[in-house]
């Protein structure tokens, strides 16, 4: 295998599209597949080989990235592609699909394609960081057998955190997202309180700025709230999915905050906010009290 392995990207939504674009910029031979083929057509001029089926995408690829919407879609697409994978291929599952589906895929590949290395490697980051190759990859699996994936990760991210045996990364991803989602809920509530007391979002941030609570992510969300513009970096629908995956996986933890967030965010999705950025929960809460 050459220093730059050939790569297939299954799923060309916001994140997968960014991965494919960065791979092409770095000189990787890249195939792409998406159920809605138009999602990848803008990358064809940069060299993306856009195909009609998952098996056609993976047939010649040394590394296969799966970045699909949910567990059911991921399981279905990878099952379809399994037989067509090259011998000794590396399959990198990068979507947030939860613990149960991750374990199911690990068992599936162990039984059906033991020659293939399956990496469990969700990411920390959203659309804009992905476009700028500034996400962090949370990777788990056989790092030694998957050594050729390192230049791929280098092209799409700013770093990789290796966490051990396959499955560990998906667990850590749920921990990270539980923290992020709790932070956004807290931000929405604190911003409402600030405005009730006569403070603007800018004044709120100015008090935080320079101190230990001045998280850059919070500044970005406060900007969205201030502008009233919720172009999705992470859809509220997908954030709610991650909340529920965390609750399903953490069976022995007391999580009253996450349980409440699940209920509130489900109400917001039902009210039509699901396709907006998760910070739109501020608008939902504000409109409930107006």
Protein backbone atom coordinates (compact mmCIF):
# COMPACT_ATOMS: atom_id res chain seq x y z
CA UNK A 1 0.00 0.00 0.00
CA UNK A 2 1.32 3.46 -0.90
CA UNK A 3 1.78 6.22 1.64
CA UNK A 4 -1.54 7.66 0.49
CA UNK A 5 -4.09 4.84 0.55
CA UNK A 6 -7.13 5.10 -1.68
CA UNK A 7 -10.26 6.02 0.25
CA UNK A 8 -14.01 5.52 -0.10
CA UNK A 9 -16.41 7.80 1.76
CA UNK A 10 -19.87 6.37 2.37
CA UNK A 11 -22.19 9.24 3.21
CA UNK A 12 -21.64 12.73 1.79
CA UNK A 13 -23.67 14.79 4.21
CA UNK A 14 -22.10 17.77 5.98
CA UNK A 15 -19.34 15.75 7.64
CA UNK A 16 -18.68 13.15 4.95
CA UNK A 17 -18.59 15.83 2.27
CA UNK A 18 -15.98 17.74 4.30
CA UNK A 19 -13.91 14.56 4.71
CA UNK A 20 -14.00 13.85 0.98
CA UNK A 21 -13.08 17.45 0.12
CA UNK A 22 -10.08 17.42 2.46
CA UNK A 23 -8.91 14.05 1.18
CA UNK A 24 -9.02 15.34 -2.39
CA UNK A 25 -7.12 18.49 -1.40
CA UNK A 26 -4.41 16.25 0.03
CA UNK A 27 -4.05 14.14 -3.09
CA UNK A 28 -5.93 11.00 -2.07
CA UNK A 29 -7.70 8.93 -4.71
CA UNK A 30 -11.25 9.14 -3.36
CA UNK A 31 -14.51 7.42 -4.18
CA UNK A 32 -17.79 8.68 -2.83
CA UNK A 33 -21.31 7.37 -2.40
CA UNK A 34 -24.45 8.99 -1.05
CA UNK A 35 -28.09 7.99 -1.33
CA UNK A 36 -28.75 11.43 -2.79
CA UNK A 37 -26.05 11.47 -5.42
CA UNK A 38 -26.28 15.23 -5.98
CA UNK A 39 -24.62 15.80 -2.60
CA UNK A 40 -21.26 14.85 -4.08
CA UNK A 41 -21.49 16.26 -7.58
CA UNK A 42 -19.70 19.50 -6.68
CA UNK A 43 -16.60 17.47 -5.76
CA UNK A 44 -16.33 15.67 -9.08
CA UNK A 45 -14.34 18.51 -10.62
CA UNK A 46 -11.82 18.08 -7.77
CA UNK A 47 -11.48 14.40 -8.62
CA UNK A 48 -14.14 12.61 -6.57
CA UNK A 49 -15.17 9.37 -8.23
CA UNK A 50 -18.88 9.40 -7.46
CA UNK A 51 -20.59 6.03 -7.78
CA UNK A 52 -24.11 4.65 -7.52
CA UNK A 53 -23.73 1.93 -4.87
CA UNK A 54 -21.76 1.35 -1.67
CA UNK A 55 -20.14 -1.81 -3.03
CA UNK A 56 -18.90 0.07 -6.12
CA UNK A 57 -17.38 2.72 -3.83
CA UNK A 58 -15.42 0.31 -1.64
CA UNK A 59 -14.24 -2.22 -4.21
CA UNK A 60 -10.86 -0.57 -4.86
CA UNK A 61 -10.46 1.35 -1.60
CA UNK A 62 -7.76 0.63 0.97
CA UNK A 63 -9.65 2.67 3.59
CA UNK A 64 -13.43 2.99 3.81
CA UNK A 65 -14.98 5.80 5.86
CA UNK A 66 -18.58 5.39 6.94
CA UNK A 67 -20.26 8.67 7.98
CA UNK A 68 -23.98 8.00 7.85
CA UNK A 69 -27.00 9.45 9.61
CA UNK A 70 -27.87 6.76 12.12
CA UNK A 71 -27.31 3.21 13.29
CA UNK A 72 -29.88 1.53 11.05
CA UNK A 73 -28.51 3.20 7.91
CA UNK A 74 -24.92 2.41 8.88
CA UNK A 75 -25.67 -1.25 9.52
CA UNK A 76 -27.56 -1.59 6.23
CA UNK A 77 -24.96 0.16 4.06
CA UNK A 78 -21.97 -1.64 5.57
CA UNK A 79 -23.73 -4.99 5.27
CA UNK A 80 -24.28 -4.25 1.58
CA UNK A 81 -20.62 -3.34 1.11
CA UNK A 82 -18.98 -6.07 3.21
CA UNK A 83 -18.49 -8.69 0.50
CA UNK A 84 -16.99 -6.15 -1.94
CA UNK A 85 -14.28 -4.90 0.43
CA UNK A 86 -10.67 -5.41 -0.61
CA UNK A 87 -8.69 -7.97 1.32
CA UNK A 88 -7.05 -6.33 4.37
CA UNK A 89 -9.12 -3.17 3.91
CA UNK A 90 -9.60 -0.78 6.84
CA UNK A 91 -13.20 0.19 7.60
CA UNK A 92 -13.55 3.33 9.72
CA UNK A 93 -17.00 3.82 11.24
CA UNK A 94 -17.13 7.53 12.10
CA UNK A 95 -20.80 8.21 12.73
CA UNK A 96 -22.37 8.40 16.17
CA UNK A 97 -24.40 5.19 16.26
CA UNK A 98 -24.24 4.20 19.92
CA UNK A 99 -22.82 1.25 21.81
CA UNK A 100 -25.22 -1.51 20.79
CA UNK A 101 -24.85 -0.98 17.04
CA UNK A 102 -21.09 -0.57 17.34
CA UNK A 103 -20.80 -3.91 19.12
CA UNK A 104 -23.02 -5.47 16.47
CA UNK A 105 -20.72 -4.23 13.70
CA UNK A 106 -17.62 -5.44 15.51
CA UNK A 107 -19.12 -8.93 15.78
CA UNK A 108 -20.29 -8.85 12.17
CA UNK A 109 -16.89 -8.02 10.73
CA UNK A 110 -15.14 -10.49 13.03
CA UNK A 111 -17.37 -13.26 11.69
CA UNK A 112 -17.78 -12.31 8.04
CA UNK A 113 -14.50 -10.52 7.20
CA UNK A 114 -11.78 -11.22 9.80
CA UNK A 115 -9.18 -9.98 7.30
CA UNK A 116 -10.70 -6.49 7.46
CA UNK A 117 -9.77 -4.07 10.26
CA UNK A 118 -12.79 -2.32 11.72
CA UNK A 119 -12.05 0.92 13.53
CA UNK A 120 -14.62 2.57 15.75
CA UNK A 121 -13.76 6.25 15.22
CA UNK A 122 -16.44 8.90 15.78
CA UNK A 123 -15.33 12.52 15.81
CA UNK A 124 -15.46 15.50 18.13
CA UNK A 125 -16.48 18.50 16.05
CA UNK A 126 -19.19 19.77 13.75
CA UNK A 127 -19.54 20.99 10.17
CA UNK A 128 -17.25 24.04 10.10
CA UNK A 129 -14.39 22.36 12.01
CA UNK A 130 -14.74 19.38 9.67
CA UNK A 131 -14.48 21.65 6.63
CA UNK A 132 -11.30 23.13 8.06
CA UNK A 133 -9.86 19.74 9.10
CA UNK A 134 -10.04 20.83 12.74
CA UNK A 135 -12.05 17.96 14.18
CA UNK A 136 -10.57 15.43 16.60
CA UNK A 137 -10.90 11.74 15.78
CA UNK A 138 -11.72 9.45 18.70
CA UNK A 139 -10.32 6.14 17.49
CA UNK A 140 -10.44 2.63 18.88
CA UNK A 141 -9.47 -0.71 17.42
CA UNK A 142 -6.32 -2.48 16.25
CA UNK A 143 -4.01 0.49 15.68
CA UNK A 144 -1.09 -1.66 14.61
CA UNK A 145 -3.05 -3.41 11.85
CA UNK A 146 -4.60 -0.09 10.83
CA UNK A 147 -1.36 1.90 10.56
CA UNK A 148 -2.15 2.96 7.00
CA UNK A 149 -5.15 4.95 8.24
CA UNK A 150 -2.90 7.53 9.93
CA UNK A 151 -2.40 9.76 6.83
CA UNK A 152 -6.16 9.66 6.24
CA UNK A 153 -6.83 10.92 9.76
CA UNK A 154 -4.11 13.56 9.30
CA UNK A 155 -5.88 14.87 6.18
CA UNK A 156 -9.31 15.26 7.79
CA UNK A 157 -8.51 16.23 11.39
CA UNK A 158 -6.16 18.11 13.68
CA UNK A 159 -5.44 15.03 15.77
CA UNK A 160 -6.43 11.54 16.83
CA UNK A 161 -7.09 10.25 20.34
CA UNK A 162 -6.57 6.48 20.46
CA UNK A 163 -8.69 4.91 23.17
CA UNK A 164 -7.95 1.20 23.03
CA UNK A 165 -10.14 -1.72 22.00
CA UNK A 166 -12.81 -1.19 19.33
CA UNK A 167 -15.97 0.10 20.95
CA UNK A 168 -14.24 2.39 23.43
CA UNK A 169 -14.41 5.40 21.11
CA UNK A 170 -18.17 5.18 20.71
CA UNK A 171 -18.54 5.13 24.47
CA UNK A 172 -16.31 8.17 24.85
CA UNK A 173 -18.20 9.95 22.07
CA UNK A 174 -21.42 9.60 24.06
CA UNK A 175 -19.66 11.04 27.11
CA UNK A 176 -18.38 14.02 25.08
CA UNK A 177 -21.75 14.67 23.47
CA UNK A 178 -23.57 14.40 26.78
CA UNK A 179 -21.31 17.16 28.11
CA UNK A 180 -21.73 19.31 24.97
CA UNK A 181 -25.51 18.93 24.93
CA UNK A 182 -25.78 19.71 28.65
CA UNK A 183 -23.64 22.79 28.05
CA UNK A 184 -25.92 24.04 25.26
CA UNK A 185 -29.01 23.55 27.41
CA UNK A 186 -27.33 25.43 30.25
CA UNK A 187 -26.27 28.20 27.87
CA UNK A 188 -29.82 28.60 26.56
CA UNK A 189 -31.22 28.86 30.07
CA UNK A 190 -28.48 31.23 31.31
CA UNK A 191 -28.93 33.50 28.28
CA UNK A 192 -32.66 33.70 28.91
CA UNK A 193 -31.98 34.65 32.52
CA UNK A 194 -29.40 37.24 31.46
CA UNK A 195 -31.88 38.89 29.10
CA UNK A 196 -34.61 38.87 31.73
CA UNK A 197 -32.17 40.73 34.00
CA UNK A 198 -31.37 43.25 31.26
CA UNK A 199 -28.09 41.87 29.88
CA UNK A 200 -27.32 41.20 26.22
CA UNK A 201 -25.57 38.07 24.92
CA UNK A 202 -22.48 40.24 24.28
CA UNK A 203 -22.45 41.41 27.89
CA UNK A 204 -22.82 37.83 29.06
CA UNK A 205 -19.82 36.79 26.95
CA UNK A 206 -17.73 39.78 28.05
CA UNK A 207 -18.04 38.61 31.65
CA UNK A 208 -16.95 35.10 30.68
CA UNK A 209 -14.18 36.24 28.34
CA UNK A 210 -10.68 35.73 29.67
CA UNK A 211 -11.79 33.43 32.45
CA UNK A 212 -11.97 29.64 32.84
CA UNK A 213 -15.58 29.52 31.60
CA UNK A 214 -14.83 31.20 28.26
CA UNK A 215 -15.26 28.11 26.09
CA UNK A 216 -14.88 29.03 22.38
CA UNK A 217 -17.79 26.74 21.53
CA UNK A 218 -20.01 28.82 23.82
CA UNK A 219 -18.98 32.03 22.07
CA UNK A 220 -20.04 30.59 18.71
CA UNK A 221 -23.43 29.51 20.05
CA UNK A 222 -23.97 32.90 21.70
CA UNK A 223 -23.32 34.53 18.32
CA UNK A 224 -26.04 32.35 16.79
CA UNK A 225 -28.43 33.28 19.57
CA UNK A 226 -27.60 37.00 19.23
CA UNK A 227 -28.10 36.97 15.46
CA UNK A 228 -31.15 34.71 15.61
CA UNK A 229 -29.56 32.60 12.87
CA UNK A 230 -29.40 28.86 13.42
CA UNK A 231 -27.70 27.50 10.31
CA UNK A 232 -27.03 23.96 11.51
CA UNK A 233 -23.56 22.96 12.60
CA UNK A 234 -25.23 20.07 14.40
CA UNK A 235 -28.94 19.57 13.82
CA UNK A 236 -31.14 19.52 16.89
CA UNK A 237 -32.58 16.23 15.60
CA UNK A 238 -29.17 14.56 15.59
CA UNK A 239 -28.28 16.00 18.99
CA UNK A 240 -31.49 14.52 20.38
CA UNK A 241 -30.52 11.18 18.82
CA UNK A 242 -27.20 11.35 20.67
CA UNK A 243 -28.91 12.19 23.97
CA UNK A 244 -31.07 9.10 23.62
CA UNK A 245 -28.13 6.91 22.61
CA UNK A 246 -26.30 8.03 25.76
CA UNK A 247 -29.32 7.30 27.96
CA UNK A 248 -29.72 3.86 26.38
CA UNK A 249 -26.05 2.97 26.88
CA UNK A 250 -25.47 4.33 30.41
CA UNK A 251 -27.79 1.94 32.21
CA UNK A 252 -26.12 2.24 35.62
CA UNK A 253 -25.73 6.02 35.80
CA UNK A 254 -28.15 8.53 37.30
CA UNK A 255 -28.74 11.10 34.55
CA UNK A 256 -31.70 13.29 35.53
CA UNK A 257 -30.39 16.25 33.54
CA UNK A 258 -30.05 14.28 30.32
CA UNK A 259 -33.47 12.71 30.82
CA UNK A 260 -35.01 16.15 31.12
CA UNK A 261 -33.10 17.41 28.08
CA UNK A 262 -34.39 14.44 26.09
CA UNK A 263 -37.96 15.39 26.92
CA UNK A 264 -37.51 19.11 26.24
CA UNK A 265 -35.59 18.62 23.00
CA UNK A 266 -38.11 16.07 21.76
CA UNK A 267 -40.82 18.69 22.31
CA UNK A 268 -38.71 21.20 20.34
CA UNK A 269 -38.23 18.75 17.46
CA UNK A 270 -41.96 18.02 17.46
CA UNK A 271 -42.56 21.77 17.30
CA UNK A 272 -40.54 22.00 14.07
CA UNK A 273 -37.08 23.05 15.25
CA UNK A 274 -35.28 19.81 14.41
CA UNK A 275 -33.51 20.95 11.24
CA UNK A 276 -31.94 23.97 12.95
CA UNK A 277 -28.69 24.07 14.94
CA UNK A 278 -29.03 22.63 18.43
CA UNK A 279 -28.60 26.12 19.89
CA UNK A 280 -32.11 26.85 18.58
CA UNK A 281 -33.28 25.37 21.87
CA UNK A 282 -32.83 28.93 23.18
CA UNK A 283 -35.45 30.21 20.71
CA UNK A 284 -37.80 27.35 21.54
CA UNK A 285 -37.59 28.08 25.27
CA UNK A 286 -37.91 31.83 24.73
CA UNK A 287 -41.00 31.46 22.56
CA UNK A 288 -42.60 29.23 25.17
CA UNK A 289 -42.33 32.02 27.73
CA UNK A 290 -43.30 34.93 25.45
